[in-house]
C-alpha atoms as a PDB file:
ATOM      1  CA  UNK A   1     175.500 224.771  76.569  1.00  0.00           C
ATOM      2  CA  UNK A   2     174.177 228.234  77.038  1.00  0.00           C
ATOM      3  CA  UNK A   3     172.580 229.601  80.120  1.00  0.00           C
ATOM      4  CA  UNK A   4     170.551 233.240  80.142  1.00  0.00           C
ATOM      5  CA  UNK A   5     170.677 234.746  83.462  1.00  0.00           C
ATOM      6  CA  UNK A   6     166.921 235.955  83.008  1.00  0.00           C
ATOM      7  CA  UNK A   7     166.022 232.002  82.905  1.00  0.00           C
ATOM      8  CA  UNK A   8     167.576 231.285  86.262  1.00  0.00           C
ATOM      9  CA  UNK A   9     166.940 232.509  89.899  1.00  0.00           C
ATOM     10  CA  UNK A  10     169.389 234.228  92.408  1.00  0.00           C
ATOM     11  CA  UNK A  11     170.322 230.815  93.915  1.00  0.00           C
ATOM     12  CA  UNK A  12     171.141 229.141  90.801  1.00  0.00           C
ATOM     13  CA  UNK A  13     172.763 232.153  89.298  1.00  0.00           C
ATOM     14  CA  UNK A  14     175.236 232.382  92.645  1.00  0.00           C
ATOM     15  CA  UNK A  15     175.818 228.452  92.518  1.00  0.00           C
ATOM     16  CA  UNK A  16     176.902 228.908  88.932  1.00  0.00           C
ATOM     17  CA  UNK A  17     179.167 232.139  89.431  1.00  0.00           C
ATOM     18  CA  UNK A  18     180.685 230.157  92.551  1.00  0.00           C
ATOM     19  CA  UNK A  19     181.601 227.293  90.425  1.00  0.00           C
ATOM     20  CA  UNK A  20     183.247 228.955  87.733  1.00  0.00           C
ATOM     21  CA  UNK A  21     185.104 232.174  89.546  1.00  0.00           C
ATOM     22  CA  UNK A  22     187.481 229.661  91.155  1.00  0.00           C
ATOM     23  CA  UNK A  23     189.824 229.345  93.246  1.00  0.00           C
ATOM     24  CA  UNK A  24     188.714 232.178  95.706  1.00  0.00           C
ATOM     25  CA  UNK A  25     191.007 233.644  98.347  1.00  0.00           C
ATOM     26  CA  UNK A  26     189.151 233.642 101.747  1.00  0.00           C
ATOM     27  CA  UNK A  27     189.062 236.613 104.255  1.00  0.00           C
ATOM     28  CA  UNK A  28     188.013 234.851 107.625  1.00  0.00           C
ATOM     29  CA  UNK A  29     187.049 238.333 109.261  1.00  0.00           C
ATOM     30  CA  UNK A  30     186.793 239.250 112.906  1.00  0.00           C
ATOM     31  CA  UNK A  31     184.719 242.278 113.805  1.00  0.00           C
ATOM     32  CA  UNK A  32     183.408 243.812 116.957  1.00  0.00           C
ATOM     33  CA  UNK A  33     179.723 244.601 117.889  1.00  0.00           C
ATOM     34  CA  UNK A  34     178.479 247.280 119.880  1.00  0.00           C
ATOM     35  CA  UNK A  35     178.129 245.171 122.720  1.00  0.00           C
ATOM     36  CA  UNK A  36     181.951 243.833 122.478  1.00  0.00           C
ATOM     37  CA  UNK A  37     180.987 240.548 121.088  1.00  0.00           C
ATOM     38  CA  UNK A  38     183.679 238.985 118.473  1.00  0.00           C
ATOM     39  CA  UNK A  39     182.114 238.004 115.507  1.00  0.00           C
ATOM     40  CA  UNK A  40     183.842 235.763 113.373  1.00  0.00           C
ATOM     41  CA  UNK A  41     182.789 235.036 109.361  1.00  0.00           C
ATOM     42  CA  UNK A  42     184.543 233.948 106.094  1.00  0.00           C
ATOM     43  CA  UNK A  43     184.144 235.796 102.696  1.00  0.00           C
ATOM     44  CA  UNK A  44     185.410 234.682  99.521  1.00  0.00           C
ATOM     45  CA  UNK A  45     184.349 237.408  97.557  1.00  0.00           C
ATOM     46  CA  UNK A  46     187.606 239.115  98.795  1.00  0.00           C
ATOM     47  CA  UNK A  47     190.449 240.931  97.034  1.00  0.00           C
ATOM     48  CA  UNK A  48     193.085 243.859  97.387  1.00  0.00           C
ATOM     49  CA  UNK A  49     192.030 247.090  95.598  1.00  0.00           C
ATOM     50  CA  UNK A  50     195.133 249.364  96.021  1.00  0.00           C
ATOM     51  CA  UNK A  51     198.420 249.073  97.284  1.00  0.00           C
ATOM     52  CA  UNK A  52     199.237 253.014  98.063  1.00  0.00           C
ATOM     53  CA  UNK A  53     197.606 253.102 100.569  1.00  0.00           C
ATOM     54  CA  UNK A  54     196.842 249.319 101.058  1.00  0.00           C
ATOM     55  CA  UNK A  55     193.313 248.703 100.440  1.00  0.00           C
ATOM     56  CA  UNK A  56     191.208 245.365 100.590  1.00  0.00           C
ATOM     57  CA  UNK A  57     187.671 244.832  99.390  1.00  0.00           C
ATOM     58  CA  UNK A  58     185.200 242.193 100.706  1.00  0.00           C
ATOM     59  CA  UNK A  59     181.575 241.593  98.997  1.00  0.00           C
ATOM     60  CA  UNK A  60     179.200 240.750 101.769  1.00  0.00           C
ATOM     61  CA  UNK A  61     175.573 239.855 100.371  1.00  0.00           C
ATOM     62  CA  UNK A  62     172.350 239.966 102.712  1.00  0.00           C
ATOM     63  CA  UNK A  63     171.434 237.015 104.729  1.00  0.00           C
ATOM     64  CA  UNK A  64     167.764 235.387 104.849  1.00  0.00           C
ATOM     65  CA  UNK A  65     165.188 237.995 103.878  1.00  0.00           C
ATOM     66  CA  UNK A  66     167.772 240.597 102.928  1.00  0.00           C
ATOM     67  CA  UNK A  67     168.985 240.645 106.799  1.00  0.00           C
ATOM     68  CA  UNK A  68     172.156 242.746 106.934  1.00  0.00           C
ATOM     69  CA  UNK A  69     174.569 239.985 108.083  1.00  0.00           C
ATOM     70  CA  UNK A  70     176.771 240.725 111.745  1.00  0.00           C
ATOM     71  CA  UNK A  71     179.731 241.487 110.190  1.00  0.00           C
ATOM     72  CA  UNK A  72     178.721 243.954 107.589  1.00  0.00           C
ATOM     73  CA  UNK A  73     176.481 245.961 110.852  1.00  0.00           C
ATOM     74  CA  UNK A  74     179.635 245.638 112.898  1.00  0.00           C
ATOM     75  CA  UNK A  75     182.019 247.171 110.394  1.00  0.00           C
ATOM     76  CA  UNK A  76     179.524 250.001 109.698  1.00  0.00           C
ATOM     77  CA  UNK A  77     179.284 250.790 113.261  1.00  0.00           C
ATOM     78  CA  UNK A  78     182.861 250.062 114.582  1.00  0.00           C
ATOM     79  CA  UNK A  79     184.356 251.390 111.237  1.00  0.00           C
ATOM     80  CA  UNK A  80     187.082 248.931 111.657  1.00  0.00           C
ATOM     81  CA  UNK A  81     187.498 244.994 111.061  1.00  0.00           C
ATOM     82  CA  UNK A  82     190.234 242.512 111.095  1.00  0.00           C
ATOM     83  CA  UNK A  83     191.023 240.150 107.899  1.00  0.00           C
ATOM     84  CA  UNK A  84     192.891 237.072 109.022  1.00  0.00           C
ATOM     85  CA  UNK A  85     194.439 234.555 106.433  1.00  0.00           C
ATOM     86  CA  UNK A  86     193.628 231.001 107.600  1.00  0.00           C
ATOM     87  CA  UNK A  87     195.916 228.431 106.188  1.00  0.00           C
ATOM     88  CA  UNK A  88     195.105 224.409 105.617  1.00  0.00           C
ATOM     89  CA  UNK A  89     194.966 223.402 109.015  1.00  0.00           C
ATOM     90  CA  UNK A  90     192.413 225.775 109.963  1.00  0.00           C
ATOM     91  CA  UNK A  91     189.530 224.530 107.348  1.00  0.00           C
ATOM     92  CA  UNK A  92     187.221 222.866 109.373  1.00  0.00           C
ATOM     93  CA  UNK A  93     186.820 226.123 111.494  1.00  0.00           C
ATOM     94  CA  UNK A  94     186.763 228.258 108.583  1.00  0.00           C
ATOM     95  CA  UNK A  95     183.748 226.198 107.790  1.00  0.00           C
ATOM     96  CA  UNK A  96     181.915 225.837 110.744  1.00  0.00           C
ATOM     97  CA  UNK A  97     182.178 229.846 111.603  1.00  0.00           C
ATOM     98  CA  UNK A  98     180.135 230.235 107.828  1.00  0.00           C
ATOM     99  CA  UNK A  99     177.144 229.335 109.817  1.00  0.00           C
ATOM    100  CA  UNK A 100     174.626 231.952 111.287  1.00  0.00           C
ATOM    101  CA  UNK A 101     174.850 232.268 115.133  1.00  0.00           C
ATOM    102  CA  UNK A 102     172.738 234.817 117.230  1.00  0.00           C
ATOM    103  CA  UNK A 103     174.279 238.311 117.028  1.00  0.00           C
ATOM    104  CA  UNK A 104     175.267 237.712 120.644  1.00  0.00           C
ATOM    105  CA  UNK A 105     176.725 234.688 120.188  1.00  0.00           C
ATOM    106  CA  UNK A 106     180.668 235.114 119.395  1.00  0.00           C
ATOM    107  CA  UNK A 107     181.882 232.457 116.970  1.00  0.00           C
ATOM    108  CA  UNK A 108     185.497 232.882 118.011  1.00  0.00           C
ATOM    109  CA  UNK A 109     183.919 231.857 121.574  1.00  0.00           C
ATOM    110  CA  UNK A 110     182.029 228.799 120.122  1.00  0.00           C
ATOM    111  CA  UNK A 111     184.894 227.323 118.176  1.00  0.00           C
ATOM    112  CA  UNK A 112     187.230 227.883 121.246  1.00  0.00           C
ATOM    113  CA  UNK A 113     189.979 230.026 119.211  1.00  0.00           C
ATOM    114  CA  UNK A 114     192.268 232.246 120.597  1.00  0.00           C
ATOM    115  CA  UNK A 115     192.670 235.951 119.829  1.00  0.00           C
ATOM    116  CA  UNK A 116     195.023 238.539 120.375  1.00  0.00           C
ATOM    117  CA  UNK A 117     194.322 242.786 120.911  1.00  0.00           C
ATOM    118  CA  UNK A 118     194.258 244.499 118.061  1.00  0.00           C
ATOM    119  CA  UNK A 119     197.470 246.865 117.473  1.00  0.00           C
ATOM    120  CA  UNK A 120     195.806 250.120 115.515  1.00  0.00           C
ATOM    121  CA  UNK A 121     192.219 249.072 116.099  1.00  0.00           C
ATOM    122  CA  UNK A 122     189.986 247.654 118.884  1.00  0.00           C
ATOM    123  CA  UNK A 123     189.080 244.815 116.903  1.00  0.00           C
ATOM    124  CA  UNK A 124     190.965 241.770 117.822  1.00  0.00           C
ATOM    125  CA  UNK A 125     192.820 239.449 115.520  1.00  0.00           C
ATOM    126  CA  UNK A 126     192.874 235.649 115.673  1.00  0.00           C
ATOM    127  CA  UNK A 127     196.481 234.356 117.361  1.00  0.00           C
ATOM    128  CA  UNK A 128     197.052 231.159 115.494  1.00  0.00           C
ATOM    129  CA  UNK A 129     196.794 232.174 111.926  1.00  0.00           C
ATOM    130  CA  UNK A 130     199.565 232.863 109.900  1.00  0.00           C
ATOM    131  CA  UNK A 131     198.833 236.554 108.542  1.00  0.00           C
ATOM    132  CA  UNK A 132     196.233 239.299 110.128  1.00  0.00           C
ATOM    133  CA  UNK A 133     195.381 242.253 108.547  1.00  0.00           C
ATOM    134  CA  UNK A 134     193.851 245.106 110.745  1.00  0.00           C
ATOM    135  CA  UNK A 135     191.810 247.579 108.550  1.00  0.00           C
ATOM    136  CA  UNK A 136     189.972 250.927 108.855  1.00  0.00           C
ATOM    137  CA  UNK A 137     186.376 251.183 107.021  1.00  0.00           C
ATOM    138  CA  UNK A 138     187.050 253.250 104.007  1.00  0.00           C
ATOM    139  CA  UNK A 139     183.519 253.008 101.510  1.00  0.00           C
ATOM    140  CA  UNK A 140     180.746 250.926 100.574  1.00  0.00           C
ATOM    141  CA  UNK A 141     179.795 250.360  97.339  1.00  0.00           C
ATOM    142  CA  UNK A 142     176.380 248.594  96.348  1.00  0.00           C
ATOM    143  CA  UNK A 143     175.883 246.493  93.666  1.00  0.00           C
ATOM    144  CA  UNK A 144     172.757 244.668  92.083  1.00  0.00           C
ATOM    145  CA  UNK A 145     169.144 244.208  93.145  1.00  0.00           C
ATOM    146  CA  UNK A 146     170.218 241.541  95.951  1.00  0.00           C
ATOM    147  CA  UNK A 147     171.988 244.419  98.099  1.00  0.00           C
ATOM    148  CA  UNK A 148     175.346 242.517  97.787  1.00  0.00           C
ATOM    149  CA  UNK A 149     177.634 245.508  99.208  1.00  0.00           C
ATOM    150  CA  UNK A 150     181.484 245.742  98.843  1.00  0.00           C
ATOM    151  CA  UNK A 151     183.047 246.976 101.869  1.00  0.00           C
ATOM    152  CA  UNK A 152     186.779 248.777 101.751  1.00  0.00           C
ATOM    153  CA  UNK A 153     188.962 249.083 104.008  1.00  0.00           C
ATOM    154  CA  UNK A 154     192.429 250.586 104.521  1.00  0.00           C
ATOM    155  CA  UNK A 155     195.029 248.216 106.030  1.00  0.00           C
ATOM    156  CA  UNK A 156     196.637 250.224 109.155  1.00  0.00           C
ATOM    157  CA  UNK A 157     198.671 246.955 110.366  1.00  0.00           C
ATOM    158  CA  UNK A 158     200.211 243.759 108.612  1.00  0.00           C
ATOM    159  CA  UNK A 159     200.583 240.644 111.331  1.00  0.00           C
ATOM    160  CA  UNK A 160     202.881 238.506 109.614  1.00  0.00           C
ATOM    161  CA  UNK A 161     204.264 234.995 110.993  1.00  0.00           C
ATOM    162  CA  UNK A 162     208.325 235.784 110.762  1.00  0.00           C
ATOM    163  CA  UNK A 163     209.119 232.995 108.682  1.00  0.00           C
ATOM    164  CA  UNK A 164     206.800 234.183 105.987  1.00  0.00           C
ATOM    165  CA  UNK A 165     208.544 237.267 105.195  1.00  0.00           C
ATOM    166  CA  UNK A 166     211.767 237.187 103.499  1.00  0.00           C
ATOM    167  CA  UNK A 167     213.521 239.694 101.057  1.00  0.00           C
ATOM    168  CA  UNK A 168     210.376 242.091 101.193  1.00  0.00           C
ATOM    169  CA  UNK A 169     207.998 239.338  99.812  1.00  0.00           C
ATOM    170  CA  UNK A 170     205.868 236.321 101.336  1.00  0.00           C
ATOM    171  CA  UNK A 171     206.762 232.988 100.838  1.00  0.00           C
ATOM    172  CA  UNK A 172     203.272 231.631  99.402  1.00  0.00           C
ATOM    173  CA  UNK A 173     204.329 227.915  99.937  1.00  0.00           C
ATOM    174  CA  UNK A 174     205.068 228.556 104.021  1.00  0.00           C
ATOM    175  CA  UNK A 175     201.856 230.486 104.113  1.00  0.00           C
ATOM    176  CA  UNK A 176     199.841 227.499 102.913  1.00  0.00           C
ATOM    177  CA  UNK A 177     196.382 229.227 102.154  1.00  0.00           C
ATOM    178  CA  UNK A 178     193.262 227.947 101.849  1.00  0.00           C
ATOM    179  CA  UNK A 179     190.648 228.927  98.905  1.00  0.00           C
ATOM    180  CA  UNK A 180     187.099 228.293  98.179  1.00  0.00           C
ATOM    181  CA  UNK A 181     185.280 226.705  95.121  1.00  0.00           C
ATOM    182  CA  UNK A 182     181.732 225.857  94.805  1.00  0.00           C
ATOM    183  CA  UNK A 183     179.493 224.771  97.776  1.00  0.00           C
ATOM    184  CA  UNK A 184     180.827 223.521 101.033  1.00  0.00           C
ATOM    185  CA  UNK A 185     184.313 222.654  98.945  1.00  0.00           C
ATOM    186  CA  UNK A 186     187.864 224.235  99.859  1.00  0.00           C
ATOM    187  CA  UNK A 187     191.146 223.600  98.191  1.00  0.00           C
ATOM    188  CA  UNK A 188     194.811 223.733  98.728  1.00  0.00           C
ATOM    189  CA  UNK A 189     197.519 225.683  97.036  1.00  0.00           C
ATOM    190  CA  UNK A 190     198.715 223.160  94.910  1.00  0.00           C
ATOM    191  CA  UNK A 191     201.678 223.205  92.313  1.00  0.00           C
ATOM    192  CA  UNK A 192     203.165 226.619  91.968  1.00  0.00           C
ATOM    193  CA  UNK A 193     204.496 227.240  88.318  1.00  0.00           C
ATOM    194  CA  UNK A 194     207.273 230.233  87.825  1.00  0.00           C
ATOM    195  CA  UNK A 195     207.270 231.742  84.155  1.00  0.00           C
ATOM    196  CA  UNK A 196     210.202 233.237  83.376  1.00  0.00           C
ATOM    197  CA  UNK A 197     210.835 236.149  80.386  1.00  0.00           C
ATOM    198  CA  UNK A 198     208.251 238.943  79.695  1.00  0.00           C
ATOM    199  CA  UNK A 199     204.800 238.837  78.380  1.00  0.00           C
ATOM    200  CA  UNK A 200     206.268 237.347  74.784  1.00  0.00           C
ATOM    201  CA  UNK A 201     209.235 235.444  76.417  1.00  0.00           C
ATOM    202  CA  UNK A 202     209.894 232.034  75.392  1.00  0.00           C
ATOM    203  CA  UNK A 203     206.609 229.751  75.224  1.00  0.00           C
ATOM    204  CA  UNK A 204     207.066 226.099  76.355  1.00  0.00           C
ATOM    205  CA  UNK A 205     207.191 223.574  74.091  1.00  0.00           C
ATOM    206  CA  UNK A 206     204.462 221.209  73.571  1.00  0.00           C
END
């Protein structure tokens, strides 16, 4: 099968890309509105972009009628946000927080989730997640005609559950992260395969 982008619309393209670019890690973002409401939303177009300084990037598309989403507006106004990393016990709440609520409604309160105050920023973090990353907004890069915007933030504080951090590294199997695949579908980490040797090391026998 061959598909040309010119032959399909925006929604079809979105479904195609999100079905191919998998698995995607999920940034469960808390942000603070001007009125002080704590917004919570998941974003799966998410990655790290720098280690010195540590920086994360989140792609946030526009909502209905290209309306700016609450998270994007809060990030620009407050110039900060927190990326929470959920584990596989939190899939139901992660998905529920993806639905749009009125701006004055806090998804955190709606879902009955507990928060803790930020250490370096005003935006709270989720209490029961294994990892939270407090970020200060750094820059915004706009892509495409649908006004998709890549928000970059510098991590100013790492909150890591004690049993996850060992020898300067994260024990990923203990983190139990979740990922997004196409549609309302999520997945767990699955089997971890460790390779030895360099890029041109021994190849597995077939």
